[in-house]
């Protein structure tokens, strides 16, 4: 059984709040998740979503679809 791990950090040394997010799982489950998230991006007309770039109603809808 193969696993994959993805991580991302937010903030910098001058920001008040910093965070690290990590997602881990079996490779086949991560592949399915990647496909689902790419479908959400396509449906929303986005190539990617960054928290700092969420400024419009469409951006909020796209970000919300990721967590639903």
N, C-alpha and C. Protein backbone atom coordinates (compact mmCIF):
# COMPACT_ATOMS: atom_id res chain seq x y z
N UNK A 1 0.85 -1.17 0.00
CA UNK A 1 0.00 0.00 0.00
C UNK A 1 0.90 1.24 0.00
N UNK A 2 0.68 2.11 -0.98
CA UNK A 2 1.47 3.35 -1.08
C UNK A 2 0.69 4.51 -0.50
N UNK A 3 1.38 5.43 0.15
CA UNK A 3 0.78 6.63 0.72
C UNK A 3 1.42 7.86 0.09
N UNK A 4 0.67 8.96 0.11
CA UNK A 4 1.19 10.24 -0.35
C UNK A 4 0.93 11.28 0.72
N UNK A 5 1.83 12.25 0.80
CA UNK A 5 1.70 13.34 1.76
C UNK A 5 1.89 14.65 1.01
N UNK A 6 0.98 15.60 1.26
CA UNK A 6 1.08 16.95 0.70
C UNK A 6 1.03 17.93 1.86
N UNK A 7 1.85 18.98 1.76
CA UNK A 7 1.82 19.99 2.82
C UNK A 7 1.95 21.38 2.20
N UNK A 8 1.52 22.36 2.96
CA UNK A 8 1.63 23.76 2.52
C UNK A 8 1.68 24.63 3.75
N UNK A 9 2.43 25.71 3.66
CA UNK A 9 2.51 26.63 4.79
C UNK A 9 1.87 27.97 4.40
N UNK A 10 1.48 28.69 5.41
CA UNK A 10 0.87 29.99 5.20
C UNK A 10 1.52 30.99 6.13
N UNK A 11 1.71 32.21 5.64
CA UNK A 11 2.30 33.25 6.47
C UNK A 11 3.79 33.38 6.24
N UNK A 12 4.39 34.27 6.98
CA UNK A 12 5.83 34.48 6.91
C UNK A 12 6.30 34.92 8.28
N UNK A 13 7.57 35.19 8.42
CA UNK A 13 8.11 35.58 9.72
C UNK A 13 7.53 36.88 10.26
N UNK A 14 7.04 37.74 9.37
CA UNK A 14 6.49 39.01 9.84
C UNK A 14 4.98 38.95 10.09
N UNK A 15 4.31 37.85 9.67
CA UNK A 15 2.88 37.70 9.92
C UNK A 15 2.62 37.27 11.35
N UNK A 16 1.49 37.68 11.86
CA UNK A 16 1.15 37.32 13.24
C UNK A 16 0.79 35.84 13.35
N UNK A 17 0.07 35.33 12.36
CA UNK A 17 -0.37 33.95 12.38
C UNK A 17 0.29 33.16 11.26
N UNK A 18 0.80 32.01 11.60
CA UNK A 18 1.37 31.10 10.61
C UNK A 18 0.74 29.73 10.79
N UNK A 19 0.67 28.99 9.70
CA UNK A 19 0.08 27.66 9.79
C UNK A 19 0.73 26.71 8.79
N UNK A 20 0.61 25.44 9.08
CA UNK A 20 1.04 24.39 8.16
C UNK A 20 -0.11 23.41 8.06
N UNK A 21 -0.50 23.11 6.83
CA UNK A 21 -1.55 22.12 6.59
C UNK A 21 -0.94 20.89 5.93
N UNK A 22 -1.39 19.71 6.33
CA UNK A 22 -0.88 18.47 5.78
C UNK A 22 -2.04 17.55 5.46
N UNK A 23 -1.97 16.92 4.29
CA UNK A 23 -2.96 15.94 3.87
C UNK A 23 -2.21 14.66 3.54
N UNK A 24 -2.65 13.56 4.12
CA UNK A 24 -2.01 12.28 3.85
C UNK A 24 -3.08 11.22 3.62
N UNK A 25 -2.75 10.24 2.81
CA UNK A 25 -3.69 9.16 2.56
C UNK A 25 -3.14 8.14 1.61
N UNK A 26 -3.91 7.07 1.41
CA UNK A 26 -3.51 6.06 0.45
C UNK A 26 -3.50 6.68 -0.94
N UNK A 27 -2.54 6.27 -1.76
CA UNK A 27 -2.36 6.88 -3.07
C UNK A 27 -3.63 6.86 -3.90
N UNK A 28 -4.35 5.73 -3.92
CA UNK A 28 -5.56 5.68 -4.75
C UNK A 28 -6.63 6.65 -4.25
N UNK A 29 -6.72 6.86 -2.95
CA UNK A 29 -7.69 7.84 -2.41
C UNK A 29 -7.26 9.27 -2.73
N UNK A 30 -5.96 9.54 -2.65
CA UNK A 30 -5.45 10.87 -2.97
C UNK A 30 -5.66 11.16 -4.46
N UNK A 31 -5.47 10.16 -5.30
CA UNK A 31 -5.71 10.34 -6.74
C UNK A 31 -7.17 10.69 -7.01
N UNK A 32 -8.09 10.03 -6.32
CA UNK A 32 -9.53 10.33 -6.47
C UNK A 32 -9.83 11.74 -5.98
N UNK A 33 -9.24 12.12 -4.85
CA UNK A 33 -9.44 13.47 -4.31
C UNK A 33 -8.90 14.51 -5.29
N UNK A 34 -7.72 14.28 -5.85
CA UNK A 34 -7.12 15.21 -6.82
C UNK A 34 -8.06 15.41 -8.01
N UNK A 35 -8.64 14.31 -8.51
CA UNK A 35 -9.57 14.39 -9.64
C UNK A 35 -10.81 15.20 -9.27
N UNK A 36 -11.37 14.95 -8.09
CA UNK A 36 -12.55 15.69 -7.65
C UNK A 36 -12.26 17.18 -7.50
N UNK A 37 -11.12 17.52 -6.91
CA UNK A 37 -10.77 18.93 -6.73
C UNK A 37 -10.50 19.61 -8.06
N UNK A 38 -9.87 18.91 -9.00
CA UNK A 38 -9.66 19.47 -10.33
C UNK A 38 -10.98 19.72 -11.03
N UNK A 39 -11.95 18.83 -10.84
CA UNK A 39 -13.29 19.03 -11.42
C UNK A 39 -13.95 20.27 -10.83
N UNK A 40 -13.80 20.50 -9.53
CA UNK A 40 -14.36 21.69 -8.90
C UNK A 40 -13.73 22.94 -9.52
N UNK A 41 -12.42 22.93 -9.67
CA UNK A 41 -11.73 24.08 -10.27
C UNK A 41 -12.25 24.36 -11.67
N UNK A 42 -12.39 23.32 -12.47
CA UNK A 42 -12.89 23.49 -13.84
C UNK A 42 -14.31 24.06 -13.85
N UNK A 43 -15.17 23.52 -13.00
CA UNK A 43 -16.56 24.00 -12.93
C UNK A 43 -16.63 25.47 -12.52
N UNK A 44 -15.67 25.90 -11.70
CA UNK A 44 -15.65 27.28 -11.21
C UNK A 44 -14.81 28.20 -12.10
N UNK A 45 -14.22 27.64 -13.16
CA UNK A 45 -13.41 28.45 -14.05
C UNK A 45 -12.11 28.94 -13.43
N UNK A 46 -11.55 28.14 -12.53
CA UNK A 46 -10.32 28.51 -11.83
C UNK A 46 -9.21 27.52 -12.16
N UNK A 47 -7.97 28.00 -12.10
CA UNK A 47 -6.82 27.12 -12.22
C UNK A 47 -6.31 26.70 -10.85
N UNK A 48 -6.52 27.57 -9.86
CA UNK A 48 -6.11 27.30 -8.49
C UNK A 48 -6.87 28.24 -7.56
N UNK A 49 -6.81 27.96 -6.27
CA UNK A 49 -7.44 28.83 -5.27
C UNK A 49 -6.40 29.08 -4.18
N UNK A 50 -6.20 30.35 -3.86
CA UNK A 50 -5.33 30.73 -2.75
C UNK A 50 -6.16 31.56 -1.78
N UNK A 51 -6.02 31.27 -0.49
CA UNK A 51 -6.81 31.96 0.51
C UNK A 51 -6.69 33.48 0.39
N UNK A 52 -5.48 33.96 0.17
CA UNK A 52 -5.27 35.41 0.11
C UNK A 52 -5.92 36.05 -1.12
N UNK A 53 -6.30 35.23 -2.09
CA UNK A 53 -6.92 35.74 -3.32
C UNK A 53 -8.44 35.63 -3.33
N UNK A 54 -9.04 35.17 -2.24
CA UNK A 54 -10.50 35.02 -2.19
C UNK A 54 -11.10 36.40 -1.90
N UNK A 55 -11.60 37.03 -2.98
CA UNK A 55 -12.10 38.40 -2.84
C UNK A 55 -13.48 38.60 -3.43
N UNK A 56 -13.96 37.67 -4.25
CA UNK A 56 -15.27 37.84 -4.88
C UNK A 56 -16.20 36.71 -4.47
N UNK A 57 -17.47 36.87 -4.78
CA UNK A 57 -18.45 35.83 -4.48
C UNK A 57 -18.09 34.54 -5.19
N UNK A 58 -17.64 34.62 -6.44
CA UNK A 58 -17.24 33.42 -7.18
C UNK A 58 -16.07 32.71 -6.51
N UNK A 59 -15.12 33.47 -5.98
CA UNK A 59 -13.99 32.87 -5.27
C UNK A 59 -14.46 32.15 -4.02
N UNK A 60 -15.38 32.75 -3.30
CA UNK A 60 -15.93 32.13 -2.08
C UNK A 60 -16.66 30.84 -2.44
N UNK A 61 -17.43 30.86 -3.51
CA UNK A 61 -18.16 29.65 -3.94
C UNK A 61 -17.18 28.53 -4.30
N UNK A 62 -16.12 28.86 -5.00
CA UNK A 62 -15.13 27.86 -5.39
C UNK A 62 -14.44 27.28 -4.15
N UNK A 63 -14.04 28.14 -3.24
CA UNK A 63 -13.38 27.67 -2.02
C UNK A 63 -14.34 26.83 -1.18
N UNK A 64 -15.59 27.23 -1.10
CA UNK A 64 -16.59 26.47 -0.34
C UNK A 64 -16.81 25.09 -0.94
N UNK A 65 -16.77 24.99 -2.26
CA UNK A 65 -16.96 23.71 -2.93
C UNK A 65 -15.84 22.73 -2.57
N UNK A 66 -14.67 23.25 -2.28
CA UNK A 66 -13.55 22.39 -1.88
C UNK A 66 -13.82 21.68 -0.57
N UNK A 67 -14.51 22.34 0.35
CA UNK A 67 -14.69 21.75 1.67
C UNK A 67 -16.04 21.07 1.86
N UNK A 68 -16.87 21.11 0.83
CA UNK A 68 -18.17 20.45 0.93
C UNK A 68 -18.09 19.00 0.56
